[in-house]
Amino acid sequence: MGSASRQSEMHYEIRFQSLFNEGRALSFPCDAEGHVLFDELSDRARHNYLYARAVVGREYAAPAILACDLH
């Protein structure tokens, strides 16, 4: 299987880790570059995503893009 095929089969999430509570984070499905399909998020997820982006450096760390296993 070529790397392009494997790339298209991989799933990613963008994760905002809390700066104050190690067990708290917000994560959202995205592509390999971190682009979130905003229109596919629920209203609550959209609100949380926009909030996390707005408070990077104050409440959440800069986001990380992680490969994840989806079954």
PDB file of N, CA and C in Angstrom:
ATOM      1  N   MET A   1       0.845  -1.164   0.000  1.00  0.00           N
ATOM      2  CA  MET A   1       0.000   0.000   0.000  1.00  0.00           C
ATOM      3  C   MET A   1       0.894   1.233   0.000  1.00  0.00           C
ATOM      4  N   GLY A   2       0.649   2.201  -0.870  1.00  0.00           N
ATOM      5  CA  GLY A   2       1.459   3.403  -0.965  1.00  0.00           C
ATOM      6  C   GLY A   2       1.201   4.345   0.180  1.00  0.00           C
ATOM      7  N   SER A   3       2.134   5.281   0.356  1.00  0.00           N
ATOM      8  CA  SER A   3       1.974   6.216   1.468  1.00  0.00           C
ATOM      9  C   SER A   3       0.765   7.119   1.283  1.00  0.00           C
ATOM     10  N   ALA A   4       0.400   7.438   0.031  1.00  0.00           N
ATOM     11  CA  ALA A   4      -0.786   8.265  -0.200  1.00  0.00           C
ATOM     12  C   ALA A   4      -2.038   7.529   0.249  1.00  0.00           C
ATOM     13  N   SER A   5      -2.103   6.215   0.027  1.00  0.00           N
ATOM     14  CA  SER A   5      -3.258   5.433   0.469  1.00  0.00           C
ATOM     15  C   SER A   5      -3.330   5.384   1.981  1.00  0.00           C
ATOM     16  N   ARG A   6      -2.198   5.173   2.620  1.00  0.00           N
ATOM     17  CA  ARG A   6      -2.182   5.141   4.086  1.00  0.00           C
ATOM     18  C   ARG A   6      -2.567   6.498   4.649  1.00  0.00           C
ATOM     19  N   GLN A   7      -2.098   7.592   4.024  1.00  0.00           N
ATOM     20  CA  GLN A   7      -2.419   8.939   4.493  1.00  0.00           C
ATOM     21  C   GLN A   7      -3.922   9.169   4.474  1.00  0.00           C
ATOM     22  N   SER A   8      -4.600   8.730   3.397  1.00  0.00           N
ATOM     23  CA  SER A   8      -6.033   8.972   3.295  1.00  0.00           C
ATOM     24  C   SER A   8      -6.826   8.121   4.285  1.00  0.00           C
ATOM     25  N   GLU A   9      -6.249   7.021   4.761  1.00  0.00           N
ATOM     26  CA  GLU A   9      -6.941   6.157   5.713  1.00  0.00           C
ATOM     27  C   GLU A   9      -6.722   6.602   7.159  1.00  0.00           C
ATOM     28  N   MET A  10      -5.734   7.439   7.391  1.00  0.00           N
ATOM     29  CA  MET A  10      -5.439   7.883   8.749  1.00  0.00           C
ATOM     30  C   MET A  10      -6.442   8.949   9.169  1.00  0.00           C
ATOM     31  N   HIS A  11      -6.718   8.991  10.447  1.00  0.00           N
ATOM     32  CA  HIS A  11      -7.621   9.976  11.019  1.00  0.00           C
ATOM     33  C   HIS A  11      -6.823  10.831  11.996  1.00  0.00           C
ATOM     34  N   TYR A  12      -7.201  12.072  12.107  1.00  0.00           N
ATOM     35  CA  TYR A  12      -6.476  13.016  12.945  1.00  0.00           C
ATOM     36  C   TYR A  12      -7.432  13.768  13.849  1.00  0.00           C
ATOM     37  N   GLU A  13      -6.868  14.296  14.920  1.00  0.00           N
ATOM     38  CA  GLU A  13      -7.615  15.185  15.782  1.00  0.00           C
ATOM     39  C   GLU A  13      -6.711  16.351  16.152  1.00  0.00           C
ATOM     40  N   ILE A  14      -7.321  17.502  16.339  1.00  0.00           N
ATOM     41  CA  ILE A  14      -6.600  18.651  16.851  1.00  0.00           C
ATOM     42  C   ILE A  14      -6.963  18.739  18.324  1.00  0.00           C
ATOM     43  N   ARG A  15      -5.932  18.810  19.167  1.00  0.00           N
ATOM     44  CA  ARG A  15      -6.147  18.714  20.615  1.00  0.00           C
ATOM     45  C   ARG A  15      -5.608  19.953  21.305  1.00  0.00           C
ATOM     46  N   PHE A  16      -6.457  20.552  22.134  1.00  0.00           N
ATOM     47  CA  PHE A  16      -6.092  21.699  22.951  1.00  0.00           C
ATOM     48  C   PHE A  16      -5.992  21.214  24.388  1.00  0.00           C
ATOM     49  N   GLN A  17      -4.786  21.147  24.938  1.00  0.00           N
ATOM     50  CA  GLN A  17      -4.555  20.664  26.300  1.00  0.00           C
ATOM     51  C   GLN A  17      -4.668  21.821  27.281  1.00  0.00           C
ATOM     52  N   SER A  18      -5.382  21.612  28.381  1.00  0.00           N
ATOM     53  CA  SER A  18      -5.507  22.635  29.421  1.00  0.00           C
ATOM     54  C   SER A  18      -4.135  22.959  30.002  1.00  0.00           C
ATOM     55  N   LEU A  19      -3.887  24.222  30.266  1.00  0.00           N
ATOM     56  CA  LEU A  19      -2.643  24.638  30.902  1.00  0.00           C
ATOM     57  C   LEU A  19      -2.668  24.418  32.409  1.00  0.00           C
ATOM     58  N   PHE A  20      -3.857  24.237  32.973  1.00  0.00           N
ATOM     59  CA  PHE A  20      -3.997  24.184  34.425  1.00  0.00           C
ATOM     60  C   PHE A  20      -4.464  22.838  34.966  1.00  0.00           C
ATOM     61  N   ASN A  21      -5.080  22.021  34.134  1.00  0.00           N
ATOM     62  CA  ASN A  21      -5.611  20.735  34.569  1.00  0.00           C
ATOM     63  C   ASN A  21      -5.158  19.672  33.571  1.00  0.00           C
ATOM     64  N   GLU A  22      -4.190  18.867  33.958  1.00  0.00           N
ATOM     65  CA  GLU A  22      -3.584  17.894  33.046  1.00  0.00           C
ATOM     66  C   GLU A  22      -4.603  16.939  32.430  1.00  0.00           C
ATOM     67  N   GLY A  23      -5.651  16.635  33.142  1.00  0.00           N
ATOM     68  CA  GLY A  23      -6.656  15.701  32.645  1.00  0.00           C
ATOM     69  C   GLY A  23      -7.717  16.331  31.760  1.00  0.00           C
ATOM     70  N   ARG A  24      -7.601  17.616  31.500  1.00  0.00           N
ATOM     71  CA  ARG A  24      -8.637  18.314  30.727  1.00  0.00           C
ATOM     72  C   ARG A  24      -8.076  18.754  29.382  1.00  0.00           C
ATOM     73  N   ALA A  25      -8.821  18.448  28.328  1.00  0.00           N
ATOM     74  CA  ALA A  25      -8.439  18.866  26.980  1.00  0.00           C
ATOM     75  C   ALA A  25      -9.686  18.877  26.111  1.00  0.00           C
ATOM     76  N   LEU A  26      -9.610  19.599  25.020  1.00  0.00           N
ATOM     77  CA  LEU A  26     -10.665  19.583  24.009  1.00  0.00           C
ATOM     78  C   LEU A  26     -10.038  19.073  22.724  1.00  0.00           C
ATOM     79  N   SER A  27     -10.718  18.167  22.035  1.00  0.00           N
ATOM     80  CA  SER A  27     -10.187  17.664  20.773  1.00  0.00           C
ATOM     81  C   SER A  27     -11.313  17.592  19.749  1.00  0.00           C
ATOM     82  N   PHE A  28     -10.920  17.761  18.493  1.00  0.00           N
ATOM     83  CA  PHE A  28     -11.872  17.835  17.389  1.00  0.00           C
ATOM     84  C   PHE A  28     -11.287  17.113  16.188  1.00  0.00           C
ATOM     85  N   PRO A  29     -12.111  16.430  15.396  1.00  0.00           N
ATOM     86  CA  PRO A  29     -11.594  15.758  14.192  1.00  0.00           C
ATOM     87  C   PRO A  29     -11.076  16.800  13.201  1.00  0.00           C
ATOM     88  N   CYS A  30      -9.984  16.440  12.519  1.00  0.00           N
ATOM     89  CA  CYS A  30      -9.397  17.344  11.536  1.00  0.00           C
ATOM     90  C   CYS A  30      -8.655  16.535  10.486  1.00  0.00           C
ATOM     91  N   ASP A  31      -8.063  17.229   9.506  1.00  0.00           N
ATOM     92  CA  ASP A  31      -7.221  16.548   8.529  1.00  0.00           C
ATOM     93  C   ASP A  31      -5.764  16.633   9.003  1.00  0.00           C
ATOM     94  N   ALA A  32      -4.849  16.120   8.200  1.00  0.00           N
ATOM     95  CA  ALA A  32      -3.442  16.054   8.591  1.00  0.00           C
ATOM     96  C   ALA A  32      -2.822  17.429   8.818  1.00  0.00           C
ATOM     97  N   GLU A  33      -3.392  18.471   8.227  1.00  0.00           N
ATOM     98  CA  GLU A  33      -2.882  19.826   8.404  1.00  0.00           C
ATOM     99  C   GLU A  33      -3.574  20.569   9.553  1.00  0.00           C
ATOM    100  N   GLY A  34      -4.545  19.936  10.187  1.00  0.00           N
ATOM    101  CA  GLY A  34      -5.239  20.563  11.303  1.00  0.00           C
ATOM    102  C   GLY A  34      -6.479  21.340  10.923  1.00  0.00           C
ATOM    103  N   HIS A  35      -6.940  21.189   9.687  1.00  0.00           N
ATOM    104  CA  HIS A  35      -8.158  21.876   9.252  1.00  0.00           C
ATOM    105  C   HIS A  35      -9.384  21.128   9.776  1.00  0.00           C
ATOM    106  N   VAL A  36     -10.195  21.818  10.525  1.00  0.00           N
ATOM    107  CA  VAL A  36     -11.410  21.248  11.105  1.00  0.00           C
ATOM    108  C   VAL A  36     -12.573  21.501  10.142  1.00  0.00           C
ATOM    109  N   LEU A  37     -13.401  20.482   9.930  1.00  0.00           N
ATOM    110  CA  LEU A  37     -14.603  20.648   9.107  1.00  0.00           C
ATOM    111  C   LEU A  37     -15.661  21.285   9.999  1.00  0.00           C
ATOM    112  N   PHE A  38     -15.613  22.589  10.055  1.00  0.00           N
ATOM    113  CA  PHE A  38     -16.418  23.376  10.978  1.00  0.00           C
ATOM    114  C   PHE A  38     -17.912  23.094  10.837  1.00  0.00           C
ATOM    115  N   ASP A  39     -18.383  22.961   9.609  1.00  0.00           N
ATOM    116  CA  ASP A  39     -19.815  22.744   9.376  1.00  0.00           C
ATOM    117  C   ASP A  39     -20.293  21.374   9.840  1.00  0.00           C
ATOM    118  N   GLU A  40     -19.377  20.440  10.053  1.00  0.00           N
ATOM    119  CA  GLU A  40     -19.759  19.096  10.497  1.00  0.00           C
ATOM    120  C   GLU A  40     -19.769  18.961  12.019  1.00  0.00           C
ATOM    121  N   LEU A  41     -19.339  19.996  12.726  1.00  0.00           N
ATOM    122  CA  LEU A  41     -19.353  19.957  14.186  1.00  0.00           C
ATOM    123  C   LEU A  41     -20.744  20.286  14.704  1.00  0.00           C
ATOM    124  N   SER A  42     -21.082  19.729  15.858  1.00  0.00           N
ATOM    125  CA  SER A  42     -22.338  20.105  16.516  1.00  0.00           C
ATOM    126  C   SER A  42     -22.210  21.547  16.998  1.00  0.00           C
ATOM    127  N   ASP A  43     -23.326  22.145  17.369  1.00  0.00           N
ATOM    128  CA  ASP A  43     -23.290  23.518  17.877  1.00  0.00           C
ATOM    129  C   ASP A  43     -22.381  23.636  19.094  1.00  0.00           C
ATOM    130  N   ARG A  44     -22.479  22.692  19.999  1.00  0.00           N
ATOM    131  CA  ARG A  44     -21.652  22.722  21.205  1.00  0.00           C
ATOM    132  C   ARG A  44     -20.173  22.571  20.860  1.00  0.00           C
ATOM    133  N   ALA A  45     -19.853  21.645  19.961  1.00  0.00           N
ATOM    134  CA  ALA A  45     -18.464  21.439  19.556  1.00  0.00           C
ATOM    135  C   ALA A  45     -17.909  22.683  18.857  1.00  0.00           C
ATOM    136  N   ARG A  46     -18.728  23.323  18.014  1.00  0.00           N
ATOM    137  CA  ARG A  46     -18.310  24.563  17.354  1.00  0.00           C
ATOM    138  C   ARG A  46     -17.976  25.640  18.392  1.00  0.00           C
ATOM    139  N   HIS A  47     -18.852  25.781  19.376  1.00  0.00           N
ATOM    140  CA  HIS A  47     -18.634  26.760  20.444  1.00  0.00           C
ATOM    141  C   HIS A  47     -17.335  26.439  21.196  1.00  0.00           C
ATOM    142  N   ASN A  48     -17.141  25.178  21.565  1.00  0.00           N
ATOM    143  CA  ASN A  48     -15.939  24.770  22.296  1.00  0.00           C
ATOM    144  C   ASN A  48     -14.671  24.988  21.470  1.00  0.00           C
ATOM    145  N   TYR A  49     -14.738  24.689  20.166  1.00  0.00           N
ATOM    146  CA  TYR A  49     -13.588  24.873  19.279  1.00  0.00           C
ATOM    147  C   TYR A  49     -13.205  26.352  19.194  1.00  0.00           C
ATOM    148  N   LEU A  50     -14.188  27.210  18.967  1.00  0.00           N
ATOM    149  CA  LEU A  50     -13.912  28.641  18.878  1.00  0.00           C
ATOM    150  C   LEU A  50     -13.384  29.181  20.208  1.00  0.00           C
ATOM    151  N   TYR A  51     -13.936  28.692  21.313  1.00  0.00           N
ATOM    152  CA  TYR A  51     -13.468  29.110  22.634  1.00  0.00           C
ATOM    153  C   TYR A  51     -12.014  28.697  22.842  1.00  0.00           C
ATOM    154  N   ALA A  52     -11.694  27.434  22.554  1.00  0.00           N
ATOM    155  CA  ALA A  52     -10.333  26.932  22.754  1.00  0.00           C
ATOM    156  C   ALA A  52      -9.340  27.748  21.931  1.00  0.00           C
ATOM    157  N   ARG A  53      -9.685  28.049  20.688  1.00  0.00           N
ATOM    158  CA  ARG A  53      -8.795  28.851  19.839  1.00  0.00           C
ATOM    159  C   ARG A  53      -8.596  30.251  20.420  1.00  0.00           C
ATOM    160  N   ALA A  54      -9.648  30.815  20.999  1.00  0.00           N
ATOM    161  CA  ALA A  54      -9.578  32.185  21.519  1.00  0.00           C
ATOM    162  C   ALA A  54      -8.730  32.296  22.785  1.00  0.00           C
ATOM    163  N   VAL A  55      -8.607  31.211  23.537  1.00  0.00           N
ATOM    164  CA  VAL A  55      -7.895  31.291  24.815  1.00  0.00           C
ATOM    165  C   VAL A  55      -6.581  30.510  24.817  1.00  0.00           C
ATOM    166  N   VAL A  56      -6.047  30.222  23.626  1.00  0.00           N
ATOM    167  CA  VAL A  56      -4.728  29.582  23.539  1.00  0.00           C
ATOM    168  C   VAL A  56      -3.712  30.505  24.209  1.00  0.00           C
ATOM    169  N   GLY A  57      -2.918  29.917  25.081  1.00  0.00           N
ATOM    170  CA  GLY A  57      -1.917  30.680  25.814  1.00  0.00           C
ATOM    171  C   GLY A  57      -2.413  31.212  27.145  1.00  0.00           C
ATOM    172  N   ARG A  58      -3.728  31.215  27.343  1.00  0.00           N
ATOM    173  CA  ARG A  58      -4.292  31.668  28.621  1.00  0.00           C
ATOM    174  C   ARG A  58      -4.926  30.516  29.382  1.00  0.00           C
ATOM    175  N   GLU A  59      -5.683  29.661  28.684  1.00  0.00           N
ATOM    176  CA  GLU A  59      -6.306  28.495  29.321  1.00  0.00           C
ATOM    177  C   GLU A  59      -5.863  27.185  28.690  1.00  0.00           C
ATOM    178  N   TYR A  60      -5.582  27.218  27.392  1.00  0.00           N
ATOM    179  CA  TYR A  60      -5.179  26.016  26.666  1.00  0.00           C
ATOM    180  C   TYR A  60      -3.844  26.236  25.975  1.00  0.00           C
ATOM    181  N   ALA A  61      -3.074  25.163  25.861  1.00  0.00           N
ATOM    182  CA  ALA A  61      -1.810  25.203  25.130  1.00  0.00           C
ATOM    183  C   ALA A  61      -2.092  25.283  23.629  1.00  0.00           C
ATOM    184  N   ALA A  62      -1.075  25.649  22.872  1.00  0.00           N
ATOM    185  CA  ALA A  62      -1.198  25.645  21.416  1.00  0.00           C
ATOM    186  C   ALA A  62      -1.643  24.253  20.984  1.00  0.00           C
ATOM    187  N   PRO A  63      -2.499  24.159  19.986  1.00  0.00           N
ATOM    188  CA  PRO A  63      -3.042  22.852  19.611  1.00  0.00           C
ATOM    189  C   PRO A  63      -1.997  21.944  18.996  1.00  0.00           C
ATOM    190  N   ALA A  64      -2.203  20.662  19.206  1.00  0.00           N
ATOM    191  CA  ALA A  64      -1.370  19.621  18.603  1.00  0.00           C
ATOM    192  C   ALA A  64      -2.245  18.795  17.668  1.00  0.00           C
ATOM    193  N   ILE A  65      -1.685  18.395  16.543  1.00  0.00           N
ATOM    194  CA  ILE A  65      -2.392  17.523  15.607  1.00  0.00           C
ATOM    195  C   ILE A  65      -1.889  16.107  15.845  1.00  0.00           C
ATOM    196  N   LEU A  66      -2.806  15.212  16.164  1.00  0.00           N
ATOM    197  CA  LEU A  66      -2.446  13.844  16.516  1.00  0.00           C
ATOM    198  C   LEU A  66      -3.140  12.858  15.600  1.00  0.00           C
ATOM    199  N   ALA A  67      -2.413  11.833  15.173  1.00  0.00           N
ATOM    200  CA  ALA A  67      -3.050  10.734  14.468  1.00  0.00           C
ATOM    201  C   ALA A  67      -3.812   9.925  15.497  1.00  0.00           C
ATOM    202  N   CYS A  68      -4.987   9.457  15.148  1.00  0.00           N
ATOM    203  CA  CYS A  68      -5.778   8.685  16.100  1.00  0.00           C
ATOM    204  C   CYS A  68      -6.394   7.486  15.411  1.00  0.00           C
ATOM    205  N   ASP A  69      -6.685   6.489  16.190  1.00  0.00           N
ATOM    206  CA  ASP A  69      -7.331   5.279  15.691  1.00  0.00           C
ATOM    207  C   ASP A  69      -8.820   5.405  15.864  1.00  0.00           C
ATOM    208  N   LEU A  70      -9.543   5.290  14.775  1.00  0.00           N
ATOM    209  CA  LEU A  70     -11.001   5.261  14.831  1.00  0.00           C
ATOM    210  C   LEU A  70     -11.455   3.893  14.349  1.00  0.00           C
ATOM    211  N   HIS A  71     -12.339   3.272  15.071  1.00  0.00           N
ATOM    212  CA  HIS A  71     -12.801   1.933  14.694  1.00  0.00           C
ATOM    213  C   HIS A  71     -14.164   2.007  14.105  1.00  0.00           C
TER     214      HIS A  71
END
